[in-house]
């Protein structure tokens, strides 16, 4: 037989606090997962931008086989590529710089 002390039919304070605590934990876990996903997306965007820059540099070299990116610094090759081989210079979502090192584009943190 059920006890008669809780006939109100509502939730007790302990039950409500438990639900709020569990909800808070779930929201915290969701925020951590979202932040991790955003960070990975920014890193992958940087990787994709580096591949685009290296592909553009390769096309620049193939158009005139006497061209060598190793003879250029970052700014001079950037000006050669921008407009003709790449429409707009990519911006790093991680606020890093794209640098030319030994003829290949790299990411400087």
Protein backbone atom coordinates (compact mmCIF):
# COMPACT_ATOMS: atom_id res chain seq x y z
CA UNK A 1 0.00 0.00 0.00
CA UNK A 2 1.23 3.52 -0.80
CA UNK A 3 1.98 5.89 2.01
CA UNK A 4 -0.34 8.84 2.47
CA UNK A 5 2.32 11.49 3.19
CA UNK A 6 2.76 12.64 -0.46
CA UNK A 7 -0.71 13.20 -1.88
CA UNK A 8 -0.01 16.50 -3.65
CA UNK A 9 0.81 14.82 -6.96
CA UNK A 10 3.64 17.31 -7.67
CA UNK A 11 7.39 16.92 -7.70
CA UNK A 12 9.45 17.20 -4.55
CA UNK A 13 12.26 19.74 -4.25
CA UNK A 14 14.87 16.95 -4.42
CA UNK A 15 13.40 15.67 -7.70
CA UNK A 16 13.46 19.15 -9.25
CA UNK A 17 17.03 19.79 -8.13
CA UNK A 18 18.09 16.42 -9.55
CA UNK A 19 16.54 17.25 -12.94
CA UNK A 20 18.22 20.69 -12.99
CA UNK A 21 21.64 19.21 -12.10
CA UNK A 22 21.36 16.48 -14.76
CA UNK A 23 20.27 19.04 -17.36
CA UNK A 24 23.22 21.27 -16.43
CA UNK A 25 25.66 18.38 -16.83
CA UNK A 26 24.23 17.53 -20.26
CA UNK A 27 24.46 21.17 -21.40
CA UNK A 28 28.07 21.34 -20.19
CA UNK A 29 28.97 18.18 -22.14
CA UNK A 30 27.25 19.56 -25.26
CA UNK A 31 29.19 22.85 -25.01
CA UNK A 32 32.51 20.98 -24.70
CA UNK A 33 31.68 18.83 -27.72
CA UNK A 34 30.68 21.92 -29.74
CA UNK A 35 33.90 23.76 -28.87
CA UNK A 36 36.00 20.74 -29.87
CA UNK A 37 34.14 20.46 -33.16
CA UNK A 38 34.69 24.14 -33.90
CA UNK A 39 38.42 23.88 -33.19
CA UNK A 40 38.80 20.85 -35.47
CA UNK A 41 36.85 22.65 -38.21
CA UNK A 42 39.20 25.66 -38.01
CA UNK A 43 42.26 23.39 -38.20
CA UNK A 44 40.84 21.53 -41.21
CA UNK A 45 40.07 24.83 -42.94
CA UNK A 46 43.72 25.84 -42.49
CA UNK A 47 44.83 22.50 -43.95
CA UNK A 48 42.51 22.99 -46.94
CA UNK A 49 43.83 26.53 -47.49
CA UNK A 50 47.42 25.23 -47.49
CA UNK A 51 46.47 22.60 -50.11
CA UNK A 52 44.82 25.31 -52.24
CA UNK A 53 47.90 27.53 -52.00
CA UNK A 54 50.24 24.67 -52.91
CA UNK A 55 47.99 23.71 -55.85
CA UNK A 56 47.95 27.32 -57.05
CA UNK A 57 51.73 27.45 -56.79
CA UNK A 58 52.03 24.26 -58.80
CA UNK A 59 49.77 25.70 -61.51
CA UNK A 60 51.90 28.87 -61.52
CA UNK A 61 55.01 26.72 -62.01
CA UNK A 62 53.42 24.63 -64.78
CA UNK A 63 52.42 27.72 -66.75
CA UNK A 64 56.10 28.63 -67.08
CA UNK A 65 58.52 25.82 -66.24
CA UNK A 66 61.32 28.28 -65.55
CA UNK A 67 59.50 29.54 -62.46
CA UNK A 68 60.73 28.31 -59.11
CA UNK A 69 58.91 29.23 -55.89
CA UNK A 70 62.12 28.72 -53.91
CA UNK A 71 63.41 31.95 -55.42
CA UNK A 72 60.54 33.97 -53.96
CA UNK A 73 59.64 35.17 -50.53
CA UNK A 74 56.13 34.93 -49.09
CA UNK A 75 54.94 38.38 -50.19
CA UNK A 76 56.32 38.25 -53.72
CA UNK A 77 54.81 34.85 -54.50
CA UNK A 78 51.55 35.90 -52.88
CA UNK A 79 51.34 38.86 -55.25
CA UNK A 80 52.15 36.56 -58.21
CA UNK A 81 49.38 34.11 -57.31
CA UNK A 82 46.63 36.44 -56.14
CA UNK A 83 44.27 37.46 -58.90
CA UNK A 84 45.57 35.07 -61.56
CA UNK A 85 45.88 31.71 -59.82
CA UNK A 86 43.79 32.32 -56.76
CA UNK A 87 40.88 34.75 -56.71
CA UNK A 88 41.28 35.94 -53.15
CA UNK A 89 43.95 35.20 -50.58
CA UNK A 90 42.55 32.84 -47.93
CA UNK A 91 42.28 34.04 -44.36
CA UNK A 92 43.24 31.68 -41.59
CA UNK A 93 40.37 30.89 -39.21
CA UNK A 94 42.98 30.28 -36.49
CA UNK A 95 44.64 33.68 -37.09
CA UNK A 96 47.84 31.96 -38.25
CA UNK A 97 49.96 33.05 -41.20
CA UNK A 98 50.57 31.16 -44.41
CA UNK A 99 54.29 31.29 -45.16
CA UNK A 100 56.41 30.09 -48.05
CA UNK A 101 59.18 27.77 -46.86
CA UNK A 102 61.46 26.06 -49.37
CA UNK A 103 58.90 26.44 -52.14
CA UNK A 104 55.92 25.05 -50.17
CA UNK A 105 53.26 26.84 -48.20
CA UNK A 106 53.16 26.10 -44.50
CA UNK A 107 51.14 27.29 -41.55
CA UNK A 108 52.90 29.45 -38.98
CA UNK A 109 51.20 29.47 -35.59
